[in-house]
């Protein structure tokens, strides 16, 4: 589908003060080189403090930068989602694999957020799932509800359970993975999240559900919320997700023509969410049925 375009806004920070605008754009928005940005500037798409930019300006801290991106055709995605829970404060839906949660990477209207807001205009997601990940996404209907949920989101008070299909046959029945996650160098994007000794503390506990001829089905509980955490953590112990285009052994980016963070091909499903309701105080549990690709592997396990 063709969208209506979008105005990307940012404010120049201290670390960018003194950069030439054209170089700044190519560095910060690494998806395009200077030649591409020159074309956008020539078409009048870039503005600095409300003035159409020429590209040679030296940017200063506090200036507002706007890129008025013209309408574009977005990639096709699955657009149907299932409502799993709803009351006056919270909404939980089952996101299909292939549908981005939030705008970005060429997606604007073809995102779960935009689709959900067509029915519930004021909701905001409490968290996000990767484009290739299916399963439960929780939305808050009010700012107060969001604040209460987020206070306990990455604590033991909230249980987040995923199912993941990994390459290789696991030797142990369970793994307590505490590999730190941080930004590392990556040629296609500059930097991506990956296993990094100097990164942020992270913890996942993976339990073997089934072993196949060359794969393992894991049930994974998250105790932190780092980007791509399960993909990185399972790869870091030698069991990368089957079909993962980005992460390989060690939890590091694959070399050569490896993919981008939003690329799919792997099987990862957010299947169960357990938390205390922010207003009633009751413990609530939300479940999302396994997609077909995981049902065949799980053999009916729940």
C-alpha atoms as a PDB file:
ATOM      1  CA  UNK A   1       0.000   0.000   0.000  1.00  0.00           C
ATOM      2  CA  UNK A   2       1.063   3.616  -0.580  1.00  0.00           C
ATOM      3  CA  UNK A   3       1.110   5.754   2.540  1.00  0.00           C
ATOM      4  CA  UNK A   4       0.831   9.547   2.819  1.00  0.00           C
ATOM      5  CA  UNK A   5       4.462  10.191   3.654  1.00  0.00           C
ATOM      6  CA  UNK A   6       5.894  11.133   7.009  1.00  0.00           C
ATOM      7  CA  UNK A   7       7.843  13.940   8.684  1.00  0.00           C
ATOM      8  CA  UNK A   8      10.833  12.552  10.603  1.00  0.00           C
ATOM      9  CA  UNK A   9      11.830  15.048  13.314  1.00  0.00           C
ATOM     10  CA  UNK A  10      14.922  15.189  15.488  1.00  0.00           C
ATOM     11  CA  UNK A  11      16.823  17.695  17.593  1.00  0.00           C
ATOM     12  CA  UNK A  12      20.577  18.108  17.119  1.00  0.00           C
ATOM     13  CA  UNK A  13      22.387  16.850  20.213  1.00  0.00           C
ATOM     14  CA  UNK A  14      25.702  17.826  21.776  1.00  0.00           C
ATOM     15  CA  UNK A  15      27.562  15.004  20.031  1.00  0.00           C
ATOM     16  CA  UNK A  16      26.509  16.309  16.594  1.00  0.00           C
ATOM     17  CA  UNK A  17      27.248  19.990  17.148  1.00  0.00           C
ATOM     18  CA  UNK A  18      29.475  21.320  14.362  1.00  0.00           C
ATOM     19  CA  UNK A  19      28.803  18.612  11.756  1.00  0.00           C
ATOM     20  CA  UNK A  20      28.024  19.531   8.151  1.00  0.00           C
ATOM     21  CA  UNK A  21      24.342  18.727   7.529  1.00  0.00           C
ATOM     22  CA  UNK A  22      24.902  16.419   4.555  1.00  0.00           C
ATOM     23  CA  UNK A  23      27.494  14.372   6.433  1.00  0.00           C
ATOM     24  CA  UNK A  24      25.292  14.352   9.524  1.00  0.00           C
ATOM     25  CA  UNK A  25      22.331  12.916   7.604  1.00  0.00           C
ATOM     26  CA  UNK A  26      24.409  10.167   5.986  1.00  0.00           C
ATOM     27  CA  UNK A  27      25.963   9.238   9.335  1.00  0.00           C
ATOM     28  CA  UNK A  28      22.839   9.251  11.496  1.00  0.00           C
ATOM     29  CA  UNK A  29      20.530   7.727   8.881  1.00  0.00           C
ATOM     30  CA  UNK A  30      22.902   5.082   7.581  1.00  0.00           C
ATOM     31  CA  UNK A  31      20.306   3.479   5.329  1.00  0.00           C
ATOM     32  CA  UNK A  32      21.209   6.105   2.675  1.00  0.00           C
ATOM     33  CA  UNK A  33      24.517   7.517   1.451  1.00  0.00           C
ATOM     34  CA  UNK A  34      25.396  11.174   0.815  1.00  0.00           C
ATOM     35  CA  UNK A  35      24.329  10.979  -2.833  1.00  0.00           C
ATOM     36  CA  UNK A  36      20.825   9.866  -1.814  1.00  0.00           C
ATOM     37  CA  UNK A  37      20.588  12.658   0.740  1.00  0.00           C
ATOM     38  CA  UNK A  38      21.752  15.184  -1.829  1.00  0.00           C
ATOM     39  CA  UNK A  39      18.780  14.190  -3.985  1.00  0.00           C
ATOM     40  CA  UNK A  40      16.333  14.633  -1.097  1.00  0.00           C
ATOM     41  CA  UNK A  41      17.833  17.989  -0.204  1.00  0.00           C
ATOM     42  CA  UNK A  42      17.594  19.115  -3.839  1.00  0.00           C
ATOM     43  CA  UNK A  43      13.885  18.221  -3.811  1.00  0.00           C
ATOM     44  CA  UNK A  44      13.338  20.406  -0.749  1.00  0.00           C
ATOM     45  CA  UNK A  45      12.554  17.506   1.599  1.00  0.00           C
ATOM     46  CA  UNK A  46      14.966  18.517   4.391  1.00  0.00           C
ATOM     47  CA  UNK A  47      14.453  21.511   6.680  1.00  0.00           C
ATOM     48  CA  UNK A  48      16.639  22.918   9.449  1.00  0.00           C
ATOM     49  CA  UNK A  49      14.870  25.154  11.974  1.00  0.00           C
ATOM     50  CA  UNK A  50      11.974  25.631   9.570  1.00  0.00           C
ATOM     51  CA  UNK A  51      14.132  26.642   6.592  1.00  0.00           C
ATOM     52  CA  UNK A  52      14.637  24.469   3.499  1.00  0.00           C
ATOM     53  CA  UNK A  53      18.197  23.156   3.772  1.00  0.00           C
ATOM     54  CA  UNK A  54      20.941  23.287   1.181  1.00  0.00           C
ATOM     55  CA  UNK A  55      23.135  20.585   2.720  1.00  0.00           C
ATOM     56  CA  UNK A  56      26.207  22.687   3.457  1.00  0.00           C
ATOM     57  CA  UNK A  57      24.911  24.104   6.752  1.00  0.00           C
ATOM     58  CA  UNK A  58      26.824  23.444   9.983  1.00  0.00           C
ATOM     59  CA  UNK A  59      24.326  22.038  12.469  1.00  0.00           C
ATOM     60  CA  UNK A  60      24.214  23.316  16.040  1.00  0.00           C
ATOM     61  CA  UNK A  61      22.949  21.829  19.285  1.00  0.00           C
ATOM     62  CA  UNK A  62      19.224  22.355  19.780  1.00  0.00           C
ATOM     63  CA  UNK A  63      18.312  22.901  16.126  1.00  0.00           C
ATOM     64  CA  UNK A  64      15.292  21.001  14.798  1.00  0.00           C
ATOM     65  CA  UNK A  65      15.910  18.808  11.762  1.00  0.00           C
ATOM     66  CA  UNK A  66      12.942  17.598   9.689  1.00  0.00           C
ATOM     67  CA  UNK A  67      12.934  15.169   6.793  1.00  0.00           C
ATOM     68  CA  UNK A  68       9.594  15.324   4.963  1.00  0.00           C
ATOM     69  CA  UNK A  69       9.665  11.896   3.380  1.00  0.00           C
ATOM     70  CA  UNK A  70       7.440  11.632   0.348  1.00  0.00           C
ATOM     71  CA  UNK A  71       4.727   8.945   0.108  1.00  0.00           C
ATOM     72  CA  UNK A  72       6.081   5.494  -0.640  1.00  0.00           C
ATOM     73  CA  UNK A  73       4.779   1.977  -1.245  1.00  0.00           C
ATOM     74  CA  UNK A  74       5.270  -0.175   1.824  1.00  0.00           C
ATOM     75  CA  UNK A  75       6.067  -3.902   1.666  1.00  0.00           C
ATOM     76  CA  UNK A  76       3.097  -6.219   2.052  1.00  0.00           C
ATOM     77  CA  UNK A  77       2.550  -7.688   5.517  1.00  0.00           C
ATOM     78  CA  UNK A  78      -0.078  -9.795   7.291  1.00  0.00           C
ATOM     79  CA  UNK A  79      -2.595  -7.276   8.650  1.00  0.00           C
ATOM     80  CA  UNK A  80      -4.875  -9.454  10.792  1.00  0.00           C
ATOM     81  CA  UNK A  81      -4.423  -9.747  14.558  1.00  0.00           C
ATOM     82  CA  UNK A  82      -6.354 -11.504  17.314  1.00  0.00           C
ATOM     83  CA  UNK A  83      -7.605  -9.764  20.461  1.00  0.00           C
ATOM     84  CA  UNK A  84      -6.572 -11.881  23.466  1.00  0.00           C
ATOM     85  CA  UNK A  85      -7.621  -9.627  26.358  1.00  0.00           C
ATOM     86  CA  UNK A  86      -9.345  -6.295  26.791  1.00  0.00           C
ATOM     87  CA  UNK A  87     -10.693  -4.181  29.630  1.00  0.00           C
ATOM     88  CA  UNK A  88     -10.845  -0.431  30.239  1.00  0.00           C
ATOM     89  CA  UNK A  89      -7.103  -0.180  30.950  1.00  0.00           C
ATOM     90  CA  UNK A  90      -5.305  -2.866  28.938  1.00  0.00           C
ATOM     91  CA  UNK A  91      -5.426  -4.540  25.539  1.00  0.00           C
ATOM     92  CA  UNK A  92      -3.455  -7.634  24.504  1.00  0.00           C
ATOM     93  CA  UNK A  93      -3.291  -8.846  20.910  1.00  0.00           C
ATOM     94  CA  UNK A  94      -1.652 -11.718  19.050  1.00  0.00           C
ATOM     95  CA  UNK A  95       0.729 -10.265  16.436  1.00  0.00           C
ATOM     96  CA  UNK A  96       1.460 -12.373  13.357  1.00  0.00           C
ATOM     97  CA  UNK A  97       5.030 -12.939  12.212  1.00  0.00           C
ATOM     98  CA  UNK A  98       6.015 -10.465   9.497  1.00  0.00           C
ATOM     99  CA  UNK A  99       4.066  -7.505  10.894  1.00  0.00           C
ATOM    100  CA  UNK A 100       6.261  -4.797  12.485  1.00  0.00           C
ATOM    101  CA  UNK A 101       5.108  -3.580  15.894  1.00  0.00           C
ATOM    102  CA  UNK A 102       6.140   0.048  15.373  1.00  0.00           C
ATOM    103  CA  UNK A 103       6.891   2.305  12.376  1.00  0.00           C
ATOM    104  CA  UNK A 104      10.436   2.120  11.041  1.00  0.00           C
ATOM    105  CA  UNK A 105      12.548   0.467   8.360  1.00  0.00           C
ATOM    106  CA  UNK A 106      10.212   1.456   5.525  1.00  0.00           C
ATOM    107  CA  UNK A 107       7.013   0.621   7.416  1.00  0.00           C
ATOM    108  CA  UNK A 108       4.510   3.242   8.565  1.00  0.00           C
ATOM    109  CA  UNK A 109       0.892   2.206   7.965  1.00  0.00           C
ATOM    110  CA  UNK A 110       1.672  -1.522   7.715  1.00  0.00           C
ATOM    111  CA  UNK A 111       2.457  -1.795  11.424  1.00  0.00           C
ATOM    112  CA  UNK A 112       0.613  -3.282  14.386  1.00  0.00           C
ATOM    113  CA  UNK A 113       0.477   0.118  16.083  1.00  0.00           C
ATOM    114  CA  UNK A 114      -1.311   1.797  13.170  1.00  0.00           C
ATOM    115  CA  UNK A 115      -3.706  -1.116  12.697  1.00  0.00           C
ATOM    116  CA  UNK A 116      -4.605  -1.293  16.390  1.00  0.00           C
ATOM    117  CA  UNK A 117      -5.098   2.470  16.627  1.00  0.00           C
ATOM    118  CA  UNK A 118      -7.753   2.325  13.931  1.00  0.00           C
ATOM    119  CA  UNK A 119      -9.956   0.669  16.588  1.00  0.00           C
ATOM    120  CA  UNK A 120      -8.424   2.003  19.808  1.00  0.00           C
ATOM    121  CA  UNK A 121      -7.042   5.445  18.983  1.00  0.00           C
ATOM    122  CA  UNK A 122      -5.350   6.224  22.302  1.00  0.00           C
ATOM    123  CA  UNK A 123      -3.514   2.987  23.059  1.00  0.00           C
ATOM    124  CA  UNK A 124       0.267   2.739  23.373  1.00  0.00           C
ATOM    125  CA  UNK A 125       2.361  -0.464  23.350  1.00  0.00           C
ATOM    126  CA  UNK A 126       4.020  -1.340  26.651  1.00  0.00           C
ATOM    127  CA  UNK A 127       6.727  -3.266  24.773  1.00  0.00           C
ATOM    128  CA  UNK A 128       7.482  -4.441  21.243  1.00  0.00           C
ATOM    129  CA  UNK A 129       8.190  -7.651  19.368  1.00  0.00           C
ATOM    130  CA  UNK A 130      10.553  -7.965  16.431  1.00  0.00           C
ATOM    131  CA  UNK A 131       8.951  -8.061  13.011  1.00  0.00           C
ATOM    132  CA  UNK A 132       9.611 -11.776  12.608  1.00  0.00           C
ATOM    133  CA  UNK A 133       8.390 -12.653  16.114  1.00  0.00           C
ATOM    134  CA  UNK A 134       4.754 -13.618  16.638  1.00  0.00           C
ATOM    135  CA  UNK A 135       2.664 -13.531  19.776  1.00  0.00           C
ATOM    136  CA  UNK A 136       1.484 -11.321  22.609  1.00  0.00           C
ATOM    137  CA  UNK A 137       1.837  -7.538  22.489  1.00  0.00           C
ATOM    138  CA  UNK A 138       0.389  -5.629  25.434  1.00  0.00           C
ATOM    139  CA  UNK A 139      -1.052  -2.139  25.000  1.00  0.00           C
ATOM    140  CA  UNK A 140      -2.065   0.369  27.666  1.00  0.00           C
ATOM    141  CA  UNK A 141      -5.203   2.450  27.128  1.00  0.00           C
ATOM    142  CA  UNK A 142      -4.141   5.277  29.458  1.00  0.00           C
ATOM    143  CA  UNK A 143      -0.863   6.881  30.501  1.00  0.00           C
ATOM    144  CA  UNK A 144      -1.532   5.857  34.105  1.00  0.00           C
ATOM    145  CA  UNK A 145      -1.964   2.215  33.109  1.00  0.00           C
ATOM    146  CA  UNK A 146       1.235   2.327  31.058  1.00  0.00           C
ATOM    147  CA  UNK A 147       3.183   3.809  33.947  1.00  0.00           C
ATOM    148  CA  UNK A 148       1.991   1.179  36.412  1.00  0.00           C
ATOM    149  CA  UNK A 149       2.784  -1.729  34.080  1.00  0.00           C
ATOM    150  CA  UNK A 150       6.199  -0.399  33.084  1.00  0.00           C
ATOM    151  CA  UNK A 151       7.211  -0.021  36.737  1.00  0.00           C
ATOM    152  CA  UNK A 152       7.316  -3.797  37.093  1.00  0.00           C
ATOM    153  CA  UNK A 153       7.830  -4.866  33.467  1.00  0.00           C
ATOM    154  CA  UNK A 154      11.419  -6.120  33.708  1.00  0.00           C
ATOM    155  CA  UNK A 155      11.108  -7.573  37.212  1.00  0.00           C
ATOM    156  CA  UNK A 156      10.164 -10.975  38.600  1.00  0.00           C
ATOM    157  CA  UNK A 157       6.590  -9.692  38.950  1.00  0.00           C
ATOM    158  CA  UNK A 158       6.049 -10.150  35.209  1.00  0.00           C
ATOM    159  CA  UNK A 159       6.531 -13.527  33.543  1.00  0.00           C
ATOM    160  CA  UNK A 160       7.218 -13.468  29.776  1.00  0.00           C
ATOM    161  CA  UNK A 161       7.469 -16.865  28.100  1.00  0.00           C
ATOM    162  CA  UNK A 162       8.556 -17.497  24.504  1.00  0.00           C
ATOM    163  CA  UNK A 163       8.928 -20.540  22.296  1.00  0.00           C
ATOM    164  CA  UNK A 164      11.953 -20.678  20.002  1.00  0.00           C
ATOM    165  CA  UNK A 165      13.235 -23.169  17.432  1.00  0.00           C
ATOM    166  CA  UNK A 166      17.025 -23.341  17.571  1.00  0.00           C
ATOM    167  CA  UNK A 167      19.585 -25.079  15.376  1.00  0.00           C
ATOM    168  CA  UNK A 168      21.398 -27.995  16.985  1.00  0.00           C
ATOM    169  CA  UNK A 169      20.475 -30.504  19.669  1.00  0.00           C
ATOM    170  CA  UNK A 170      20.841 -29.048  23.160  1.00  0.00           C
ATOM    171  CA  UNK A 171      23.131 -30.962  25.512  1.00  0.00           C
ATOM    172  CA  UNK A 172      21.561 -29.704  28.750  1.00  0.00           C
ATOM    173  CA  UNK A 173      17.915 -29.556  29.770  1.00  0.00           C
ATOM    174  CA  UNK A 174      18.091 -25.929  30.894  1.00  0.00           C
ATOM    175  CA  UNK A 175      20.352 -22.907  30.486  1.00  0.00           C
ATOM    176  CA  UNK A 176      20.557 -19.773  32.634  1.00  0.00           C
ATOM    177  CA  UNK A 177      21.989 -17.251  30.155  1.00  0.00           C
ATOM    178  CA  UNK A 178      23.398 -13.984  31.482  1.00  0.00           C
ATOM    179  CA  UNK A 179      25.410 -12.710  28.523  1.00  0.00           C
ATOM    180  CA  UNK A 180      25.511  -8.858  28.456  1.00  0.00           C
ATOM    181  CA  UNK A 181      24.024  -7.226  25.363  1.00  0.00           C
ATOM    182  CA  UNK A 182      25.303  -4.024  23.760  1.00  0.00           C
ATOM    183  CA  UNK A 183      25.876  -2.296  20.440  1.00  0.00           C
ATOM    184  CA  UNK A 184      28.674  -3.729  18.290  1.00  0.00           C
ATOM    185  CA  UNK A 185      30.029  -2.758  14.892  1.00  0.00           C
ATOM    186  CA  UNK A 186      28.136  -3.988  11.835  1.00  0.00           C
ATOM    187  CA  UNK A 187      28.987  -3.009   8.286  1.00  0.00           C
ATOM    188  CA  UNK A 188      25.442  -2.772   6.918  1.00  0.00           C
ATOM    189  CA  UNK A 189      24.115  -0.488   9.676  1.00  0.00           C
ATOM    190  CA  UNK A 190      27.075   0.855  11.559  1.00  0.00           C
ATOM    191  CA  UNK A 191      26.050  -0.866  14.796  1.00  0.00           C
ATOM    192  CA  UNK A 192      23.603  -3.557  15.911  1.00  0.00           C
ATOM    193  CA  UNK A 193      22.666  -5.137  19.237  1.00  0.00           C
ATOM    194  CA  UNK A 194      24.639  -8.299  19.970  1.00  0.00           C
ATOM    195  CA  UNK A 195      26.519 -10.154  22.686  1.00  0.00           C
ATOM    196  CA  UNK A 196      28.988  -7.693  24.183  1.00  0.00           C
ATOM    197  CA  UNK A 197      31.069  -8.074  27.336  1.00  0.00           C
ATOM    198  CA  UNK A 198      30.749  -4.336  27.943  1.00  0.00           C
ATOM    199  CA  UNK A 199      27.003  -4.276  27.315  1.00  0.00           C
ATOM    200  CA  UNK A 200      24.009  -4.162  29.637  1.00  0.00           C
ATOM    201  CA  UNK A 201      23.216  -6.964  32.059  1.00  0.00           C
ATOM    202  CA  UNK A 202      20.695  -9.408  30.569  1.00  0.00           C
ATOM    203  CA  UNK A 203      19.159 -12.689  31.641  1.00  0.00           C
ATOM    204  CA  UNK A 204      17.154 -15.424  29.926  1.00  0.00           C
ATOM    205  CA  UNK A 205      16.349 -18.922  31.178  1.00  0.00           C
ATOM    206  CA  UNK A 206      15.886 -21.484  28.399  1.00  0.00           C
ATOM    207  CA  UNK A 207      14.333 -24.896  29.039  1.00  0.00           C
ATOM    208  CA  UNK A 208      14.318 -27.704  26.484  1.00  0.00           C
ATOM    209  CA  UNK A 209      10.809 -28.719  25.442  1.00  0.00           C
ATOM    210  CA  UNK A 210      11.661 -31.085  22.594  1.00  0.00           C
ATOM    211  CA  UNK A 211      14.763 -32.285  20.770  1.00  0.00           C
ATOM    212  CA  UNK A 212      14.574 -33.085  17.079  1.00  0.00           C
ATOM    213  CA  UNK A 213      17.060 -34.575  14.651  1.00  0.00           C
ATOM    214  CA  UNK A 214      18.946 -31.290  14.258  1.00  0.00           C
ATOM    215  CA  UNK A 215      16.872 -28.754  16.185  1.00  0.00           C
ATOM    216  CA  UNK A 216      15.743 -27.958  19.708  1.00  0.00           C
ATOM    217  CA  UNK A 217      12.468 -26.390  20.774  1.00  0.00           C
ATOM    218  CA  UNK A 218      13.110 -24.115  23.759  1.00  0.00           C
ATOM    219  CA  UNK A 219      10.760 -22.452  26.196  1.00  0.00           C
ATOM    220  CA  UNK A 220      12.467 -19.186  27.182  1.00  0.00           C
ATOM    221  CA  UNK A 221      11.641 -16.895  30.104  1.00  0.00           C
ATOM    222  CA  UNK A 222      12.904 -13.326  29.963  1.00  0.00           C
ATOM    223  CA  UNK A 223      14.157 -11.492  33.039  1.00  0.00           C
ATOM    224  CA  UNK A 224      15.318  -8.387  31.157  1.00  0.00           C
ATOM    225  CA  UNK A 225      14.180  -6.659  27.998  1.00  0.00           C
ATOM    226  CA  UNK A 226      17.112  -6.084  25.652  1.00  0.00           C
ATOM    227  CA  UNK A 227      16.588  -5.840  21.886  1.00  0.00           C
ATOM    228  CA  UNK A 228      16.676  -9.268  20.164  1.00  0.00           C
ATOM    229  CA  UNK A 229      17.553 -10.804  23.510  1.00  0.00           C
ATOM    230  CA  UNK A 230      16.402 -14.372  22.863  1.00  0.00           C
ATOM    231  CA  UNK A 231      17.987 -14.508  19.415  1.00  0.00           C
ATOM    232  CA  UNK A 232      21.286 -13.232  20.829  1.00  0.00           C
ATOM    233  CA  UNK A 233      21.253 -15.334  23.997  1.00  0.00           C
ATOM    234  CA  UNK A 234      20.491 -18.674  22.361  1.00  0.00           C
ATOM    235  CA  UNK A 235      23.102 -17.992  19.686  1.00  0.00           C
ATOM    236  CA  UNK A 236      25.611 -17.067  22.407  1.00  0.00           C
ATOM    237  CA  UNK A 237      25.393 -20.586  23.905  1.00  0.00           C
ATOM    238  CA  UNK A 238      25.723 -22.246  20.511  1.00  0.00           C
ATOM    239  CA  UNK A 239      22.080 -22.604  19.468  1.00  0.00           C
ATOM    240  CA  UNK A 240      21.112 -19.784  17.075  1.00  0.00           C
ATOM    241  CA  UNK A 241      17.506 -19.714  15.907  1.00  0.00           C
ATOM    242  CA  UNK A 242      16.862 -21.733  12.769  1.00  0.00           C
ATOM    243  CA  UNK A 243      16.677 -19.326   9.841  1.00  0.00           C
ATOM    244  CA  UNK A 244      17.957 -16.297  11.747  1.00  0.00           C
ATOM    245  CA  UNK A 245      19.484 -14.047   9.057  1.00  0.00           C
ATOM    246  CA  UNK A 246      21.484 -11.917  11.496  1.00  0.00           C
ATOM    247  CA  UNK A 247      22.822 -13.754  14.554  1.00  0.00           C
ATOM    248  CA  UNK A 248      25.263 -16.646  14.547  1.00  0.00           C
ATOM    249  CA  UNK A 249      27.396 -18.548  17.027  1.00  0.00           C
ATOM    250  CA  UNK A 250      28.519 -16.444  19.946  1.00  0.00           C
ATOM    251  CA  UNK A 251      25.520 -14.136  19.649  1.00  0.00           C
ATOM    252  CA  UNK A 252      27.351 -11.971  17.129  1.00  0.00           C
ATOM    253  CA  UNK A 253      26.278 -10.742  13.668  1.00  0.00           C
ATOM    254  CA  UNK A 254      26.926 -13.126  10.816  1.00  0.00           C
ATOM    255  CA  UNK A 255      29.514 -12.062   8.285  1.00  0.00           C
ATOM    256  CA  UNK A 256      29.169 -11.562   4.550  1.00  0.00           C
ATOM    257  CA  UNK A 257      25.659 -10.865   3.308  1.00  0.00           C
ATOM    258  CA  UNK A 258      23.979 -11.220   6.692  1.00  0.00           C
ATOM    259  CA  UNK A 259      20.543  -9.715   7.150  1.00  0.00           C
ATOM    260  CA  UNK A 260      19.111  -6.744   8.996  1.00  0.00           C
ATOM    261  CA  UNK A 261      17.539  -6.831  12.482  1.00  0.00           C
ATOM    262  CA  UNK A 262      13.995  -6.673  11.074  1.00  0.00           C
ATOM    263  CA  UNK A 263      14.434  -9.552   8.623  1.00  0.00           C
ATOM    264  CA  UNK A 264      12.440 -12.686   9.363  1.00  0.00           C
ATOM    265  CA  UNK A 265      12.918 -16.361   8.649  1.00  0.00           C
ATOM    266  CA  UNK A 266      13.238 -17.558  12.244  1.00  0.00           C
ATOM    267  CA  UNK A 267      10.544 -19.041  14.519  1.00  0.00           C
ATOM    268  CA  UNK A 268      10.026 -17.201  17.783  1.00  0.00           C
ATOM    269  CA  UNK A 269       6.678 -16.810  19.529  1.00  0.00           C
ATOM    270  CA  UNK A 270       5.659 -14.818  22.620  1.00  0.00           C
ATOM    271  CA  UNK A 271       3.223 -17.372  23.984  1.00  0.00           C
ATOM    272  CA  UNK A 272       2.459 -16.478  27.587  1.00  0.00           C
ATOM    273  CA  UNK A 273       2.367 -13.304  29.666  1.00  0.00           C
ATOM    274  CA  UNK A 274       1.608 -13.313  33.381  1.00  0.00           C
ATOM    275  CA  UNK A 275       1.390 -10.125  35.473  1.00  0.00           C
ATOM    276  CA  UNK A 276      -0.542  -8.437  38.241  1.00  0.00           C
ATOM    277  CA  UNK A 277      -3.266  -6.190  36.897  1.00  0.00           C
ATOM    278  CA  UNK A 278      -2.235  -2.562  37.534  1.00  0.00           C
ATOM    279  CA  UNK A 279      -5.603  -1.596  39.054  1.00  0.00           C
ATOM    280  CA  UNK A 280      -7.466  -4.686  40.265  1.00  0.00           C
ATOM    281  CA  UNK A 281      -4.329  -6.279  41.706  1.00  0.00           C
ATOM    282  CA  UNK A 282      -5.402  -9.689  40.418  1.00  0.00           C
ATOM    283  CA  UNK A 283      -2.869 -11.918  38.682  1.00  0.00           C
ATOM    284  CA  UNK A 284      -3.774 -12.149  35.002  1.00  0.00           C
ATOM    285  CA  UNK A 285      -2.424 -14.564  32.428  1.00  0.00           C
ATOM    286  CA  UNK A 286      -2.619 -14.064  28.672  1.00  0.00           C
ATOM    287  CA  UNK A 287      -1.856 -16.868  26.215  1.00  0.00           C
ATOM    288  CA  UNK A 288      -1.356 -16.807  22.445  1.00  0.00           C
ATOM    289  CA  UNK A 289      -1.798 -20.091  20.592  1.00  0.00           C
ATOM    290  CA  UNK A 290       1.225 -21.398  18.736  1.00  0.00           C
ATOM    291  CA  UNK A 291       1.317 -20.530  15.023  1.00  0.00           C
ATOM    292  CA  UNK A 292       1.162 -23.413  12.569  1.00  0.00           C
ATOM    293  CA  UNK A 293       4.921 -23.498  12.040  1.00  0.00           C
ATOM    294  CA  UNK A 294       5.486 -24.157  15.736  1.00  0.00           C
ATOM    295  CA  UNK A 295       2.503 -26.455  16.290  1.00  0.00           C
ATOM    296  CA  UNK A 296       3.996 -29.059  13.977  1.00  0.00           C
ATOM    297  CA  UNK A 297       7.298 -28.968  15.870  1.00  0.00           C
ATOM    298  CA  UNK A 298       5.845 -28.880  19.395  1.00  0.00           C
ATOM    299  CA  UNK A 299       3.755 -31.989  18.894  1.00  0.00           C
ATOM    300  CA  UNK A 300       0.882 -30.425  20.807  1.00  0.00           C
ATOM    301  CA  UNK A 301       2.908 -29.357  23.862  1.00  0.00           C
ATOM    302  CA  UNK A 302       1.486 -26.370  25.779  1.00  0.00           C
END
